[in-house]
All heavy atoms as atom14 arrays in JSON, in Angstrom:
{
  "sequence": "FVADDAINAGTLFEADLLEIEAAQPDLIIVAGRSAA",
  "atom14_mask": [
    [1, 1, 1, 1, 1, 1, 1, 1, 1, 1, 1, 0, 0, 0],
    [1, 1, 1, 1, 1, 1, 1, 0, 0, 0, 0, 0, 0, 0],
    [1, 1, 1, 1, 1, 0, 0, 0, 0, 0, 0, 0, 0, 0],
    [1, 1, 1, 1, 1, 1, 1, 1, 0, 0, 0, 0, 0, 0],
    [1, 1, 1, 1, 1, 1, 1, 1, 0, 0, 0, 0, 0, 0],
    [1, 1, 1, 1, 1, 0, 0, 0, 0, 0, 0, 0, 0, 0],
    [1, 1, 1, 1, 1, 1, 1, 1, 0, 0, 0, 0, 0, 0],
    [1, 1, 1, 1, 1, 1, 1, 1, 0, 0, 0, 0, 0, 0],
    [1, 1, 1, 1, 1, 0, 0, 0, 0, 0, 0, 0, 0, 0],
    [1, 1, 1, 1, 0, 0, 0, 0, 0, 0, 0, 0, 0, 0],
    [1, 1, 1, 1, 1, 1, 1, 0, 0, 0, 0, 0, 0, 0],
    [1, 1, 1, 1, 1, 1, 1, 1, 0, 0, 0, 0, 0, 0],
    [1, 1, 1, 1, 1, 1, 1, 1, 1, 1, 1, 0, 0, 0],
    [1, 1, 1, 1, 1, 1, 1, 1, 1, 0, 0, 0, 0, 0],
    [1, 1, 1, 1, 1, 0, 0, 0, 0, 0, 0, 0, 0, 0],
    [1, 1, 1, 1, 1, 1, 1, 1, 0, 0, 0, 0, 0, 0],
    [1, 1, 1, 1, 1, 1, 1, 1, 0, 0, 0, 0, 0, 0],
    [1, 1, 1, 1, 1, 1, 1, 1, 0, 0, 0, 0, 0, 0],
    [1, 1, 1, 1, 1, 1, 1, 1, 1, 0, 0, 0, 0, 0],
    [1, 1, 1, 1, 1, 1, 1, 1, 0, 0, 0, 0, 0, 0],
    [1, 1, 1, 1, 1, 1, 1, 1, 1, 0, 0, 0, 0, 0],
    [1, 1, 1, 1, 1, 0, 0, 0, 0, 0, 0, 0, 0, 0],
    [1, 1, 1, 1, 1, 0, 0, 0, 0, 0, 0, 0, 0, 0],
    [1, 1, 1, 1, 1, 1, 1, 1, 1, 0, 0, 0, 0, 0],
    [1, 1, 1, 1, 1, 1, 1, 0, 0, 0, 0, 0, 0, 0],
    [1, 1, 1, 1, 1, 1, 1, 1, 0, 0, 0, 0, 0, 0],
    [1, 1, 1, 1, 1, 1, 1, 1, 0, 0, 0, 0, 0, 0],
    [1, 1, 1, 1, 1, 1, 1, 1, 0, 0, 0, 0, 0, 0],
    [1, 1, 1, 1, 1, 1, 1, 1, 0, 0, 0, 0, 0, 0],
    [1, 1, 1, 1, 1, 1, 1, 0, 0, 0, 0, 0, 0, 0],
    [1, 1, 1, 1, 1, 0, 0, 0, 0, 0, 0, 0, 0, 0],
    [1, 1, 1, 1, 0, 0, 0, 0, 0, 0, 0, 0, 0, 0],
    [1, 1, 1, 1, 1, 1, 1, 1, 1, 1, 1, 0, 0, 0],
    [1, 1, 1, 1, 1, 1, 0, 0, 0, 0, 0, 0, 0, 0],
    [1, 1, 1, 1, 1, 0, 0, 0, 0, 0, 0, 0, 0, 0],
    [1, 1, 1, 1, 1, 0, 0, 0, 0, 0, 0, 0, 0, 0]
  ],
  "atom14_positions": [
    [[48.76, 18.06, 3.7], [48.26, 18.82, 2.54], [48.45, 20.33, 2.71], [48.05, 21.09, 1.83], [46.8, 18.49, 2.19], [46.54, 17.02, 1.95], [45.27, 16.44, 2.13], [47.6, 16.19, 1.53], [45.06, 15.15, 1.82], [47.32, 14.82, 1.23], [46.08, 14.31, 1.42], [0.0, 0.0, 0.0], [0.0, 0.0, 0.0], [0.0, 0.0, 0.0]],
    [[49.05, 20.79, 3.77], [49.36, 22.16, 4.0], [50.82, 22.34, 4.13], [51.49, 21.55, 4.81], [48.65, 22.67, 5.28], [49.0, 24.11, 5.57], [47.11, 22.47, 5.21], [0.0, 0.0, 0.0], [0.0, 0.0, 0.0], [0.0, 0.0, 0.0], [0.0, 0.0, 0.0], [0.0, 0.0, 0.0], [0.0, 0.0, 0.0], [0.0, 0.0, 0.0]],
    [[51.44, 23.35, 3.5], [52.85, 23.54, 3.54], [53.34, 23.78, 4.99], [52.57, 24.37, 5.8], [53.25, 24.77, 2.62], [0.0, 0.0, 0.0], [0.0, 0.0, 0.0], [0.0, 0.0, 0.0], [0.0, 0.0, 0.0], [0.0, 0.0, 0.0], [0.0, 0.0, 0.0], [0.0, 0.0, 0.0], [0.0, 0.0, 0.0], [0.0, 0.0, 0.0]],
    [[54.57, 23.38, 5.22], [55.17, 23.62, 6.58], [55.19, 25.1, 6.94], [55.03, 25.45, 8.14], [56.55, 23.01, 6.64], [56.55, 21.48, 6.56], [55.49, 20.88, 6.87], [57.57, 20.93, 6.21], [0.0, 0.0, 0.0], [0.0, 0.0, 0.0], [0.0, 0.0, 0.0], [0.0, 0.0, 0.0], [0.0, 0.0, 0.0], [0.0, 0.0, 0.0]],
    [[55.38, 25.96, 5.96], [55.51, 27.39, 6.26], [54.23, 28.15, 5.84], [54.23, 29.36, 5.54], [56.68, 27.99, 5.52], [56.67, 27.79, 3.98], [55.82, 27.04, 3.55], [57.52, 28.35, 3.3], [0.0, 0.0, 0.0], [0.0, 0.0, 0.0], [0.0, 0.0, 0.0], [0.0, 0.0, 0.0], [0.0, 0.0, 0.0], [0.0, 0.0, 0.0]],
    [[53.13, 27.43, 5.75], [51.85, 28.03, 5.33], [51.42, 29.19, 6.25], [51.66, 29.17, 7.41], [50.73, 26.95, 5.24], [0.0, 0.0, 0.0], [0.0, 0.0, 0.0], [0.0, 0.0, 0.0], [0.0, 0.0, 0.0], [0.0, 0.0, 0.0], [0.0, 0.0, 0.0], [0.0, 0.0, 0.0], [0.0, 0.0, 0.0], [0.0, 0.0, 0.0]],
    [[50.78, 30.2, 5.64], [50.25, 31.26, 6.44], [48.99, 30.81, 7.12], [48.29, 29.98, 6.54], [49.98, 32.56, 5.55], [48.97, 32.25, 4.51], [51.24, 33.0, 4.96], [48.34, 33.48, 3.87], [0.0, 0.0, 0.0], [0.0, 0.0, 0.0], [0.0, 0.0, 0.0], [0.0, 0.0, 0.0], [0.0, 0.0, 0.0], [0.0, 0.0, 0.0]],
    [[48.63, 31.45, 8.19], [47.25, 31.25, 8.76], [46.3, 32.23, 8.14], [46.4, 33.44, 8.36], [47.33, 31.45, 10.32], [46.07, 31.07, 11.0], [45.12, 30.71, 10.31], [46.0, 31.18, 12.31], [0.0, 0.0, 0.0], [0.0, 0.0, 0.0], [0.0, 0.0, 0.0], [0.0, 0.0, 0.0], [0.0, 0.0, 0.0], [0.0, 0.0, 0.0]],
    [[45.54, 31.76, 7.22], [44.71, 32.58, 6.37], [43.44, 33.16, 7.14], [42.74, 33.89, 6.56], [44.22, 31.82, 5.21], [0.0, 0.0, 0.0], [0.0, 0.0, 0.0], [0.0, 0.0, 0.0], [0.0, 0.0, 0.0], [0.0, 0.0, 0.0], [0.0, 0.0, 0.0], [0.0, 0.0, 0.0], [0.0, 0.0, 0.0], [0.0, 0.0, 0.0]],
    [[43.32, 32.78, 8.4], [42.16, 33.29, 9.09], [41.37, 32.15, 9.82], [42.06, 31.17, 10.35], [0.0, 0.0, 0.0], [0.0, 0.0, 0.0], [0.0, 0.0, 0.0], [0.0, 0.0, 0.0], [0.0, 0.0, 0.0], [0.0, 0.0, 0.0], [0.0, 0.0, 0.0], [0.0, 0.0, 0.0], [0.0, 0.0, 0.0], [0.0, 0.0, 0.0]],
    [[40.1, 32.14, 9.79], [39.25, 31.11, 10.34], [38.37, 30.59, 9.27], [38.39, 31.02, 8.09], [38.43, 31.62, 11.54], [37.44, 32.55, 11.03], [39.27, 32.35, 12.52], [0.0, 0.0, 0.0], [0.0, 0.0, 0.0], [0.0, 0.0, 0.0], [0.0, 0.0, 0.0], [0.0, 0.0, 0.0], [0.0, 0.0, 0.0], [0.0, 0.0, 0.0]],
    [[37.51, 29.66, 9.59], [36.57, 29.12, 8.64], [35.48, 30.19, 8.22], [34.76, 30.05, 7.25], [35.85, 27.92, 9.17], [36.67, 26.67, 9.37], [35.91, 25.54, 10.1], [37.27, 26.11, 8.1], [0.0, 0.0, 0.0], [0.0, 0.0, 0.0], [0.0, 0.0, 0.0], [0.0, 0.0, 0.0], [0.0, 0.0, 0.0], [0.0, 0.0, 0.0]],
    [[35.43, 31.28, 9.03], [34.38, 32.26, 8.83], [34.93, 33.66, 8.51], [34.21, 34.56, 8.08], [33.51, 32.42, 10.08], [32.89, 31.11, 10.47], [33.44, 30.3, 11.35], [31.66, 30.72, 9.85], [32.83, 29.07, 11.76], [31.06, 29.53, 10.2], [31.58, 28.69, 11.14], [0.0, 0.0, 0.0], [0.0, 0.0, 0.0], [0.0, 0.0, 0.0]],
    [[36.26, 33.91, 8.68], [36.85, 35.24, 8.53], [38.27, 35.09, 8.01], [39.05, 34.37, 8.48], [36.81, 36.0, 9.86], [37.29, 37.43, 9.7], [37.17, 38.26, 11.04], [36.72, 37.63, 11.99], [37.53, 39.39, 11.02], [0.0, 0.0, 0.0], [0.0, 0.0, 0.0], [0.0, 0.0, 0.0], [0.0, 0.0, 0.0], [0.0, 0.0, 0.0]],
    [[38.51, 35.87, 6.87], [39.77, 35.82, 6.2], [40.76, 36.87, 6.72], [40.29, 38.03, 7.03], [39.61, 35.91, 4.74], [0.0, 0.0, 0.0], [0.0, 0.0, 0.0], [0.0, 0.0, 0.0], [0.0, 0.0, 0.0], [0.0, 0.0, 0.0], [0.0, 0.0, 0.0], [0.0, 0.0, 0.0], [0.0, 0.0, 0.0], [0.0, 0.0, 0.0]],
    [[42.04, 36.6, 6.78], [43.11, 37.56, 7.08], [43.54, 38.06, 5.66], [44.46, 37.48, 5.1], [44.21, 36.91, 7.86], [45.23, 37.94, 8.32], [45.42, 38.95, 7.56], [45.9, 37.78, 9.36], [0.0, 0.0, 0.0], [0.0, 0.0, 0.0], [0.0, 0.0, 0.0], [0.0, 0.0, 0.0], [0.0, 0.0, 0.0], [0.0, 0.0, 0.0]],
    [[42.91, 39.09, 5.18], [43.08, 39.57, 3.79], [44.54, 39.99, 3.52], [45.1, 39.74, 2.47], [42.11, 40.7, 3.52], [40.65, 40.29, 3.53], [39.82, 41.53, 3.28], [40.33, 39.1, 2.62], [0.0, 0.0, 0.0], [0.0, 0.0, 0.0], [0.0, 0.0, 0.0], [0.0, 0.0, 0.0], [0.0, 0.0, 0.0], [0.0, 0.0, 0.0]],
    [[45.23, 40.67, 4.49], [46.56, 41.1, 4.37], [47.54, 39.94, 4.18], [48.42, 39.91, 3.27], [46.97, 41.99, 5.52], [46.22, 43.34, 5.66], [46.7, 44.1, 6.9], [46.44, 44.19, 4.39], [0.0, 0.0, 0.0], [0.0, 0.0, 0.0], [0.0, 0.0, 0.0], [0.0, 0.0, 0.0], [0.0, 0.0, 0.0], [0.0, 0.0, 0.0]],
    [[47.38, 38.92, 5.01], [48.26, 37.76, 4.97], [48.09, 37.06, 3.61], [49.0, 36.56, 3.03], [47.94, 36.77, 6.09], [48.55, 37.23, 7.43], [49.97, 36.87, 7.58], [50.61, 36.41, 6.59], [50.55, 37.21, 8.64], [0.0, 0.0, 0.0], [0.0, 0.0, 0.0], [0.0, 0.0, 0.0], [0.0, 0.0, 0.0], [0.0, 0.0, 0.0]],
    [[46.78, 36.88, 3.21], [46.53, 36.22, 1.98], [47.08, 36.93, 0.76], [47.73, 36.36, -0.15], [45.03, 35.97, 1.79], [44.41, 35.1, 2.89], [44.64, 35.46, 0.42], [42.95, 35.1, 3.03], [0.0, 0.0, 0.0], [0.0, 0.0, 0.0], [0.0, 0.0, 0.0], [0.0, 0.0, 0.0], [0.0, 0.0, 0.0], [0.0, 0.0, 0.0]],
    [[46.88, 38.29, 0.74], [47.37, 39.03, -0.39], [48.96, 38.97, -0.48], [49.53, 38.84, -1.55], [46.98, 40.52, -0.22], [47.22, 41.33, -1.49], [46.44, 42.65, -1.52], [45.8, 42.95, -0.53], [46.39, 43.28, -2.6], [0.0, 0.0, 0.0], [0.0, 0.0, 0.0], [0.0, 0.0, 0.0], [0.0, 0.0, 0.0], [0.0, 0.0, 0.0]],
    [[49.58, 38.94, 0.7], [51.02, 38.88, 0.77], [51.54, 37.48, 0.2], [52.66, 37.43, -0.38], [51.6, 39.08, 2.12], [0.0, 0.0, 0.0], [0.0, 0.0, 0.0], [0.0, 0.0, 0.0], [0.0, 0.0, 0.0], [0.0, 0.0, 0.0], [0.0, 0.0, 0.0], [0.0, 0.0, 0.0], [0.0, 0.0, 0.0], [0.0, 0.0, 0.0]],
    [[50.73, 36.45, 0.32], [51.14, 35.15, -0.13], [51.02, 34.99, -1.65], [51.48, 34.03, -2.22], [50.24, 34.09, 0.51], [0.0, 0.0, 0.0], [0.0, 0.0, 0.0], [0.0, 0.0, 0.0], [0.0, 0.0, 0.0], [0.0, 0.0, 0.0], [0.0, 0.0, 0.0], [0.0, 0.0, 0.0], [0.0, 0.0, 0.0], [0.0, 0.0, 0.0]],
    [[50.38, 35.93, -2.34], [50.3, 36.0, -3.78], [49.74, 34.63, -4.39], [50.38, 34.07, -5.19], [51.62, 36.33, -4.45], [52.09, 37.7, -4.03], [53.42, 38.07, -4.74], [54.36, 37.29, -4.77], [53.45, 39.26, -5.34], [0.0, 0.0, 0.0], [0.0, 0.0, 0.0], [0.0, 0.0, 0.0], [0.0, 0.0, 0.0], [0.0, 0.0, 0.0]],
    [[48.57, 34.27, -3.95], [48.01, 32.96, -4.36], [47.67, 33.02, -5.88], [47.31, 34.09, -6.34], [46.84, 32.76, -3.47], [46.38, 34.15, -3.04], [47.65, 34.94, -3.0], [0.0, 0.0, 0.0], [0.0, 0.0, 0.0], [0.0, 0.0, 0.0], [0.0, 0.0, 0.0], [0.0, 0.0, 0.0], [0.0, 0.0, 0.0], [0.0, 0.0, 0.0]],
    [[47.74, 31.88, -6.52], [47.24, 31.67, -7.91], [45.78, 31.28, -7.83], [45.07, 31.48, -8.87], [48.0, 30.62, -8.57], [49.53, 30.86, -8.57], [49.88, 31.92, -8.9], [50.29, 29.9, -8.14], [0.0, 0.0, 0.0], [0.0, 0.0, 0.0], [0.0, 0.0, 0.0], [0.0, 0.0, 0.0], [0.0, 0.0, 0.0], [0.0, 0.0, 0.0]],
    [[45.27, 30.79, -6.71], [43.92, 30.3, -6.61], [43.53, 30.27, -5.11], [44.3, 29.94, -4.26], [43.83, 28.87, -7.2], [42.5, 28.12, -7.0], [41.36, 28.77, -7.7], [42.59, 26.65, -7.39], [0.0, 0.0, 0.0], [0.0, 0.0, 0.0], [0.0, 0.0, 0.0], [0.0, 0.0, 0.0], [0.0, 0.0, 0.0], [0.0, 0.0, 0.0]],
    [[42.27, 30.66, -4.88], [41.73, 30.58, -3.53], [40.4, 29.78, -3.65], [39.62, 29.96, -4.55], [41.37, 32.0, -2.97], [42.64, 32.9, -2.95], [40.73, 31.9, -1.57], [42.32, 34.35, -2.61], [0.0, 0.0, 0.0], [0.0, 0.0, 0.0], [0.0, 0.0, 0.0], [0.0, 0.0, 0.0], [0.0, 0.0, 0.0], [0.0, 0.0, 0.0]],
    [[40.21, 28.82, -2.67], [39.02, 27.99, -2.66], [38.28, 28.23, -1.39], [38.82, 28.09, -0.28], [39.47, 26.49, -2.73], [40.22, 26.26, -4.1], [38.22, 25.66, -2.73], [40.71, 24.87, -4.26], [0.0, 0.0, 0.0], [0.0, 0.0, 0.0], [0.0, 0.0, 0.0], [0.0, 0.0, 0.0], [0.0, 0.0, 0.0], [0.0, 0.0, 0.0]],
    [[36.95, 28.48, -1.5], [36.05, 28.61, -0.35], [34.91, 27.63, -0.62], [34.69, 27.18, -1.74], [35.51, 29.98, -0.15], [36.7, 31.01, 0.12], [34.74, 30.46, -1.41], [0.0, 0.0, 0.0], [0.0, 0.0, 0.0], [0.0, 0.0, 0.0], [0.0, 0.0, 0.0], [0.0, 0.0, 0.0], [0.0, 0.0, 0.0], [0.0, 0.0, 0.0]],
    [[34.18, 27.33, 0.46], [32.92, 26.57, 0.34], [32.31, 26.49, 1.75], [33.01, 26.69, 2.76], [33.23, 25.17, -0.13], [0.0, 0.0, 0.0], [0.0, 0.0, 0.0], [0.0, 0.0, 0.0], [0.0, 0.0, 0.0], [0.0, 0.0, 0.0], [0.0, 0.0, 0.0], [0.0, 0.0, 0.0], [0.0, 0.0, 0.0], [0.0, 0.0, 0.0]],
    [[31.0, 26.24, 1.77], [30.3, 26.03, 3.0], [30.41, 27.25, 3.94], [30.03, 28.33, 3.68], [0.0, 0.0, 0.0], [0.0, 0.0, 0.0], [0.0, 0.0, 0.0], [0.0, 0.0, 0.0], [0.0, 0.0, 0.0], [0.0, 0.0, 0.0], [0.0, 0.0, 0.0], [0.0, 0.0, 0.0], [0.0, 0.0, 0.0], [0.0, 0.0, 0.0]],
    [[31.11, 26.97, 5.15], [31.25, 27.95, 6.13], [31.99, 29.2, 5.68], [31.74, 30.32, 6.1], [31.99, 27.4, 7.28], [31.3, 26.24, 8.06], [32.28, 25.64, 9.06], [31.65, 24.49, 9.84], [31.76, 23.21, 9.45], [32.4, 22.9, 8.36], [31.18, 22.25, 10.23], [0.0, 0.0, 0.0], [0.0, 0.0, 0.0], [0.0, 0.0, 0.0]],
    [[32.89, 29.06, 4.72], [33.73, 30.13, 4.23], [33.2, 30.77, 2.96], [33.79, 31.78, 2.49], [35.17, 29.61, 3.96], [35.2, 28.59, 3.02], [0.0, 0.0, 0.0], [0.0, 0.0, 0.0], [0.0, 0.0, 0.0], [0.0, 0.0, 0.0], [0.0, 0.0, 0.0], [0.0, 0.0, 0.0], [0.0, 0.0, 0.0], [0.0, 0.0, 0.0]],
    [[32.06, 30.31, 2.46], [31.57, 30.88, 1.18], [31.26, 32.27, 1.21], [31.42, 33.02, 0.22], [30.31, 30.02, 0.77], [0.0, 0.0, 0.0], [0.0, 0.0, 0.0], [0.0, 0.0, 0.0], [0.0, 0.0, 0.0], [0.0, 0.0, 0.0], [0.0, 0.0, 0.0], [0.0, 0.0, 0.0], [0.0, 0.0, 0.0], [0.0, 0.0, 0.0]],
    [[30.83, 32.83, 2.37], [30.46, 34.23, 2.49], [31.69, 35.2, 2.31], [31.55, 36.36, 2.02], [29.88, 34.53, 3.89], [0.0, 0.0, 0.0], [0.0, 0.0, 0.0], [0.0, 0.0, 0.0], [0.0, 0.0, 0.0], [0.0, 0.0, 0.0], [0.0, 0.0, 0.0], [0.0, 0.0, 0.0], [0.0, 0.0, 0.0], [0.0, 0.0, 0.0]]
  ]
}
């Protein structure tokens, strides 16, 4: 369910904001451990 060339967006508790912004997502989903 993860693309072969997917970026490592961080950990369950901390996001790599630069990598995520570069990926230009249409949607981001968090919950539980990542909700903060």
